[in-house]
Each structure stands twice: as C-alpha cells, then as structure tokens.
C-alpha atoms as a PDB file:
ATOM      1  CA  MET A   1      23.648  -2.467 -43.484  1.00  0.00           C
ATOM      2  CA  SER A   2      20.331  -2.823 -41.715  1.00  0.00           C
ATOM      3  CA  VAL A   3      20.158  -5.834 -39.429  1.00  0.00           C
ATOM      4  CA  SER A   4      16.379  -5.398 -39.256  1.00  0.00           C
ATOM      5  CA  PHE A   5      15.950  -5.838 -42.993  1.00  0.00           C
ATOM      6  CA  ALA A   6      18.369  -8.759 -43.084  1.00  0.00           C
ATOM      7  CA  LEU A   7      16.405 -10.567 -40.362  1.00  0.00           C
ATOM      8  CA  LEU A   8      13.095  -9.784 -42.087  1.00  0.00           C
ATOM      9  CA  GLY A   9      14.471 -11.182 -45.333  1.00  0.00           C
ATOM     10  CA  LEU A  10      15.614 -14.349 -43.587  1.00  0.00           C
ATOM     11  CA  LEU A  11      12.091 -14.839 -42.224  1.00  0.00           C
ATOM     12  CA  GLU A  12      10.519 -14.796 -45.684  1.00  0.00           C
ATOM     13  CA  ASN A  13      11.379 -18.458 -46.186  1.00  0.00           C
ATOM     14  CA  GLY A  14       9.472 -19.409 -43.050  1.00  0.00           C
ATOM     15  CA  PRO A  15       9.209 -18.860 -39.294  1.00  0.00           C
ATOM     16  CA  ARG A  16      12.373 -19.258 -37.224  1.00  0.00           C
ATOM     17  CA  HIS A  17      13.603 -19.180 -33.667  1.00  0.00           C
ATOM     18  CA  GLY A  18      15.911 -16.367 -32.620  1.00  0.00           C
ATOM     19  CA  TYR A  19      18.936 -18.669 -32.472  1.00  0.00           C
ATOM     20  CA  ASP A  20      18.183 -19.904 -36.024  1.00  0.00           C
ATOM     21  CA  LEU A  21      18.039 -16.300 -37.232  1.00  0.00           C
ATOM     22  CA  LYS A  22      21.396 -15.541 -35.609  1.00  0.00           C
ATOM     23  CA  ARG A  23      23.022 -18.596 -37.173  1.00  0.00           C
ATOM     24  CA  SER A  24      21.588 -17.836 -40.632  1.00  0.00           C
ATOM     25  CA  TYR A  25      22.597 -14.174 -40.391  1.00  0.00           C
ATOM     26  CA  ASP A  26      26.129 -15.058 -39.290  1.00  0.00           C
ATOM     27  CA  ASP A  27      26.471 -17.622 -42.101  1.00  0.00           C
ATOM     28  CA  ALA A  28      25.233 -15.262 -44.815  1.00  0.00           C
ATOM     29  CA  PHE A  29      26.327 -11.800 -43.663  1.00  0.00           C
ATOM     30  CA  GLY A  30      28.321 -11.909 -40.436  1.00  0.00           C
ATOM     31  CA  ARG A  31      31.669 -13.196 -41.583  1.00  0.00           C
ATOM     32  CA  ASP A  32      33.449 -10.121 -40.292  1.00  0.00           C
ATOM     33  CA  ARG A  33      31.048  -9.317 -37.472  1.00  0.00           C
ATOM     34  CA  SER A  34      28.566 -11.812 -36.102  1.00  0.00           C
ATOM     35  CA  LEU A  35      25.416 -10.763 -34.286  1.00  0.00           C
ATOM     36  CA  HIS A  36      25.044 -11.017 -30.547  1.00  0.00           C
ATOM     37  CA  TYR A  37      21.950 -12.844 -29.344  1.00  0.00           C
ATOM     38  CA  GLY A  38      20.825  -9.694 -27.534  1.00  0.00           C
ATOM     39  CA  GLN A  39      20.883  -7.785 -30.821  1.00  0.00           C
ATOM     40  CA  VAL A  40      18.730 -10.439 -32.488  1.00  0.00           C
ATOM     41  CA  TYR A  41      16.121 -10.374 -29.747  1.00  0.00           C
ATOM     42  CA  SER A  42      16.039  -6.588 -29.360  1.00  0.00           C
ATOM     43  CA  THR A  43      15.655  -6.235 -33.143  1.00  0.00           C
ATOM     44  CA  MET A  44      12.880  -8.822 -33.181  1.00  0.00           C
ATOM     45  CA  ALA A  45      11.116  -6.970 -30.330  1.00  0.00           C
ATOM     46  CA  ARG A  46      11.190  -3.747 -32.411  1.00  0.00           C
ATOM     47  CA  LEU A  47       9.929  -5.553 -35.508  1.00  0.00           C
ATOM     48  CA  LEU A  48       7.150  -7.125 -33.436  1.00  0.00           C
ATOM     49  CA  LYS A  49       6.194  -3.740 -31.979  1.00  0.00           C
ATOM     50  CA  ASN A  50       6.062  -2.270 -35.512  1.00  0.00           C
ATOM     51  CA  GLY A  51       3.861  -5.108 -36.790  1.00  0.00           C
ATOM     52  CA  LEU A  52       6.472  -6.463 -39.207  1.00  0.00           C
ATOM     53  CA  VAL A  53       6.753  -9.849 -37.472  1.00  0.00           C
ATOM     54  CA  GLU A  54       4.533 -11.926 -35.242  1.00  0.00           C
ATOM     55  CA  VAL A  55       5.304 -14.552 -32.627  1.00  0.00           C
ATOM     56  CA  GLU A  56       4.239 -18.161 -32.804  1.00  0.00           C
ATOM     57  CA  LEU A  57       4.569 -20.012 -29.498  1.00  0.00           C
ATOM     58  CA  GLU A  58       5.647 -23.649 -29.473  1.00  0.00           C
ATOM     59  CA  PRO A  59       4.346 -25.496 -26.454  1.00  0.00           C
ATOM     60  CA  GLY A  60       6.803 -27.959 -24.991  1.00  0.00           C
ATOM     61  CA  ASP A  61       7.996 -29.573 -21.785  1.00  0.00           C
ATOM     62  CA  GLY A  62       9.620 -26.362 -20.614  1.00  0.00           C
ATOM     63  CA  PRO A  63       8.772 -22.743 -21.238  1.00  0.00           C
ATOM     64  CA  ASP A  64       7.098 -21.953 -24.541  1.00  0.00           C
ATOM     65  CA  ARG A  65       9.605 -21.260 -27.307  1.00  0.00           C
ATOM     66  CA  LYS A  66       9.053 -18.317 -29.643  1.00  0.00           C
ATOM     67  CA  ARG A  67       9.219 -18.593 -33.394  1.00  0.00           C
ATOM     68  CA  TYR A  68       9.113 -15.383 -35.364  1.00  0.00           C
ATOM     69  CA  ALA A  69       7.150 -15.117 -38.615  1.00  0.00           C
ATOM     70  CA  ILE A  70       7.097 -12.215 -41.059  1.00  0.00           C
ATOM     71  CA  THR A  71       3.778 -10.414 -41.556  1.00  0.00           C
ATOM     72  CA  ASP A  72       2.393  -9.034 -44.805  1.00  0.00           C
ATOM     73  CA  ALA A  73       3.577  -5.586 -43.699  1.00  0.00           C
ATOM     74  CA  GLY A  74       7.057  -7.025 -43.154  1.00  0.00           C
ATOM     75  CA  ILE A  75       7.078  -8.523 -46.651  1.00  0.00           C
ATOM     76  CA  THR A  76       6.021  -5.161 -48.080  1.00  0.00           C
ATOM     77  CA  ASP A  77       8.843  -3.407 -46.198  1.00  0.00           C
ATOM     78  CA  ILE A  78      11.557  -5.852 -47.256  1.00  0.00           C
ATOM     79  CA  GLU A  79      10.336  -5.752 -50.855  1.00  0.00           C
ATOM     80  CA  ALA A  80      10.552  -1.948 -50.883  1.00  0.00           C
ATOM     81  CA  TRP A  81      13.985  -1.949 -49.208  1.00  0.00           C
ATOM     82  CA  ILE A  82      15.505  -4.474 -51.614  1.00  0.00           C
ATOM     83  CA  GLY A  83      14.149  -2.577 -54.623  1.00  0.00           C
ATOM     84  CA  ARG A  84      15.255   0.887 -53.480  1.00  0.00           C
ATOM     85  CA  PRO A  85      18.721   2.019 -54.595  1.00  0.00           C
ATOM     86  CA  GLU A  86      21.116   3.117 -51.892  1.00  0.00           C
ATOM     87  CA  LYS A  87      22.790   6.497 -51.900  1.00  0.00           C
ATOM     88  CA  PRO A  88      26.221   5.846 -53.411  1.00  0.00           C
ATOM     89  CA  GLU A  89      28.803   6.211 -50.651  1.00  0.00           C
ATOM     90  CA  PRO A  90      31.914   4.493 -49.308  1.00  0.00           C
ATOM     91  CA  TYR A  91      31.386   0.977 -47.950  1.00  0.00           C
ATOM     92  CA  LEU A  92      28.071   0.594 -49.718  1.00  0.00           C
ATOM     93  CA  GLN A  93      28.992  -2.922 -50.819  1.00  0.00           C
ATOM     94  CA  SER A  94      28.023  -4.558 -47.529  1.00  0.00           C
ATOM     95  CA  THR A  95      24.453  -3.241 -47.875  1.00  0.00           C
ATOM     96  CA  LEU A  96      24.308  -4.088 -51.571  1.00  0.00           C
ATOM     97  CA  TYR A  97      25.723  -7.541 -50.926  1.00  0.00           C
ATOM     98  CA  THR A  98      23.001  -8.109 -48.318  1.00  0.00           C
ATOM     99  CA  LYS A  99      20.289  -6.990 -50.739  1.00  0.00           C
ATOM    100  CA  VAL A 100      21.619  -9.246 -53.499  1.00  0.00           C
ATOM    101  CA  VAL A 101      21.848 -12.286 -51.216  1.00  0.00           C
ATOM    102  CA  LEU A 102      18.378 -11.693 -49.780  1.00  0.00           C
ATOM    103  CA  ALA A 103      16.972 -11.240 -53.277  1.00  0.00           C
ATOM    104  CA  LEU A 104      18.443 -14.601 -54.272  1.00  0.00           C
ATOM    105  CA  MET A 105      17.270 -16.274 -51.049  1.00  0.00           C
ATOM    106  CA  THR A 106      13.705 -15.032 -51.483  1.00  0.00           C
ATOM    107  CA  GLY A 107      13.279 -15.587 -55.205  1.00  0.00           C
ATOM    108  CA  ARG A 108      13.557 -11.952 -56.243  1.00  0.00           C
ATOM    109  CA  ASP A 109      15.509 -10.752 -59.265  1.00  0.00           C
ATOM    110  CA  ALA A 110      18.994  -9.914 -57.941  1.00  0.00           C
ATOM    111  CA  SER A 111      20.076  -8.563 -61.317  1.00  0.00           C
ATOM    112  CA  GLU A 112      17.278  -5.986 -61.046  1.00  0.00           C
ATOM    113  CA  VAL A 113      18.683  -4.887 -57.666  1.00  0.00           C
ATOM    114  CA  LEU A 114      22.097  -4.416 -59.277  1.00  0.00           C
ATOM    115  CA  ASP A 115      20.629  -2.636 -62.317  1.00  0.00           C
ATOM    116  CA  THR A 116      18.695  -0.213 -60.117  1.00  0.00           C
ATOM    117  CA  GLN A 117      21.841   0.547 -58.129  1.00  0.00           C
ATOM    118  CA  ARG A 118      23.882   0.971 -61.318  1.00  0.00           C
ATOM    119  CA  ALA A 119      21.354   3.536 -62.561  1.00  0.00           C
ATOM    120  CA  GLU A 120      21.656   5.481 -59.297  1.00  0.00           C
ATOM    121  CA  HIS A 121      25.458   5.472 -59.557  1.00  0.00           C
ATOM    122  CA  LEU A 122      25.332   6.689 -63.153  1.00  0.00           C
ATOM    123  CA  ARG A 123      22.907   9.450 -62.177  1.00  0.00           C
ATOM    124  CA  LEU A 124      25.293  10.665 -59.485  1.00  0.00           C
ATOM    125  CA  MET A 125      28.247  10.416 -61.888  1.00  0.00           C
ATOM    126  CA  ARG A 126      26.437  12.699 -64.348  1.00  0.00           C
ATOM    127  CA  GLU A 127      25.704  15.138 -61.529  1.00  0.00           C
ATOM    128  CA  MET A 128      29.348  15.152 -60.360  1.00  0.00           C
ATOM    129  CA  THR A 129      30.650  15.530 -63.926  1.00  0.00           C
ATOM    130  CA  HIS A 130      28.417  18.568 -64.434  1.00  0.00           C
ATOM    131  CA  ARG A 131      29.482  20.062 -61.095  1.00  0.00           C
ATOM    132  CA  LYS A 132      33.141  19.457 -61.951  1.00  0.00           C
ATOM    133  CA  ALA A 133      32.765  21.283 -65.280  1.00  0.00           C
ATOM    134  CA  GLN A 134      31.092  24.267 -63.620  1.00  0.00           C
ATOM    135  CA  GLY A 135      33.314  24.578 -60.559  1.00  0.00           C
ATOM    136  CA  ASP A 136      36.734  25.747 -59.512  1.00  0.00           C
ATOM    137  CA  LEU A 137      39.801  23.607 -58.826  1.00  0.00           C
ATOM    138  CA  ALA A 138      38.522  22.568 -55.392  1.00  0.00           C
ATOM    139  CA  ASP A 139      35.273  21.354 -56.989  1.00  0.00           C
ATOM    140  CA  GLU A 140      37.257  19.473 -59.638  1.00  0.00           C
ATOM    141  CA  LEU A 141      39.302  17.663 -57.007  1.00  0.00           C
ATOM    142  CA  ILE A 142      36.290  16.841 -54.829  1.00  0.00           C
ATOM    143  CA  CYS A 143      34.303  15.614 -57.813  1.00  0.00           C
ATOM    144  CA  ASP A 144      37.223  13.533 -59.081  1.00  0.00           C
ATOM    145  CA  HIS A 145      37.414  11.829 -55.700  1.00  0.00           C
ATOM    146  CA  VAL A 146      33.708  10.997 -55.798  1.00  0.00           C
ATOM    147  CA  LEU A 147      33.861   9.894 -59.450  1.00  0.00           C
ATOM    148  CA  PHE A 148      36.780   7.525 -58.849  1.00  0.00           C
ATOM    149  CA  HIS A 149      34.890   5.868 -55.996  1.00  0.00           C
ATOM    150  CA  LEU A 150      31.750   5.592 -58.101  1.00  0.00           C
ATOM    151  CA  GLU A 151      33.772   3.981 -60.898  1.00  0.00           C
ATOM    152  CA  ALA A 152      35.115   1.410 -58.437  1.00  0.00           C
ATOM    153  CA  ASP A 153      31.569   0.712 -57.239  1.00  0.00           C
ATOM    154  CA  LEU A 154      30.449   0.244 -60.847  1.00  0.00           C
ATOM    155  CA  ARG A 155      33.225  -2.283 -61.413  1.00  0.00           C
ATOM    156  CA  TRP A 156      32.009  -4.158 -58.315  1.00  0.00           C
ATOM    157  CA  LEU A 157      28.417  -4.052 -59.608  1.00  0.00           C
ATOM    158  CA  GLU A 158      29.519  -5.491 -62.968  1.00  0.00           C
ATOM    159  CA  LEU A 159      31.616  -8.194 -61.335  1.00  0.00           C
ATOM    160  CA  THR A 160      28.759  -9.150 -59.035  1.00  0.00           C
ATOM    161  CA  THR A 161      26.352  -9.264 -61.985  1.00  0.00           C
ATOM    162  CA  ASP A 162      28.741 -11.610 -63.794  1.00  0.00           C
ATOM    163  CA  ARG A 163      28.902 -13.880 -60.728  1.00  0.00           C
ATOM    164  CA  LEU A 164      25.197 -14.007 -59.843  1.00  0.00           C
ATOM    165  CA  ASP A 165      24.721 -17.576 -61.051  1.00  0.00           C
ATOM    166  CA  ARG A 166      27.629 -18.784 -58.932  1.00  0.00           C
ATOM    167  CA  LEU A 167      26.389 -16.861 -55.903  1.00  0.00           C
ATOM    168  CA  ALA A 168      22.868 -18.247 -56.332  1.00  0.00           C
ATOM    169  CA  ALA A 169      24.237 -21.792 -56.520  1.00  0.00           C
ATOM    170  CA  GLN A 170      26.292 -21.231 -53.376  1.00  0.00           C
ATOM    171  CA  ILE A 171      23.280 -19.865 -51.488  1.00  0.00           C
ATOM    172  CA  ARG A 172      21.089 -22.822 -52.482  1.00  0.00           C
ATOM    173  CA  ARG A 173      23.478 -25.317 -50.899  1.00  0.00           C
END
C-alpha cells in the first residue's frame, strides 16, 4: 500500500498538521503497523517537492507550525490512483482496503473501485484459464494456484461490496 497516496487522500478533506495525518492514518489504516512521525514528514517533503501538496504556515507564540494542503495536481493523482485497478497479487487487500476507505472518505464511488478491480481479476482469470488449457502439467498447477487465489480475492471483493454501507457508516463516525 502506498503511504503517499493514503496521506494525499486524507488531505482531501482539508489541510492538516503532520501529527493529525499520522493519527488519521493510524486510525484508518495502521492497525497492524502504525506510521512513524519521521515517515510522515519525509513523505510530506517528497509530496511537497513533487507539487502534490503545499505548506500553510500558522503563526503562533512559538515557531510557525506547518499545515499541509493538497494541490490540484495532488487531487488529480489520488483520483487516478483510486480509479486504477491493481495487478492481482497476494496481499492486495491492504491496498484495495485503503482505496475503498479513501473513496468513502472523499465522496468517491467505492463500489466503482471494487467493480474496476473485479474486472481486472476476471481478465486475469480468463488469461490463466487459457494458459492452463494450452500448457503442460506444470502450467496447469501454476495456473490453478493463481486461479484459486484470484477466486479468494473475488470472494473478498463481493463481501466488501456487500458491506460498503456499514463501512461508510463506520467511517463517518
């Protein structure tokens, strides 16, 4: 899963301080592995350098505090990333889960994200089925392995689609 895209998506709802981004990321995506503050700030520095975020300074009694805001280019990038299907592979669910949650958080159609991914899985299943029919025993076994994993992913996609309303309600809390 791309931390950069997750942080960009979190910024779509408004500018945030680095510590707010870390907390929001950890709450939404970091249950098994939270971000370190250094990772947040190094990622934000890269996004700033690439023109995907900008810094708003808050004057105060002490040193100025930075708030990060997403730019139009950042919105374009996150939109393209959320809409692009991932290559089906093991452990894809963490990236898909992130895309679905960010879609819900930012008012995008999460079911469209799942539908696009389902289409990519089905495309690869057709390809593997054809390869299996044309190949030798080794190809059959390799293709069966891939097909079984794709079937499991499809079950996860269906289950997630069925639970979108519940997930959206949980995110809105």
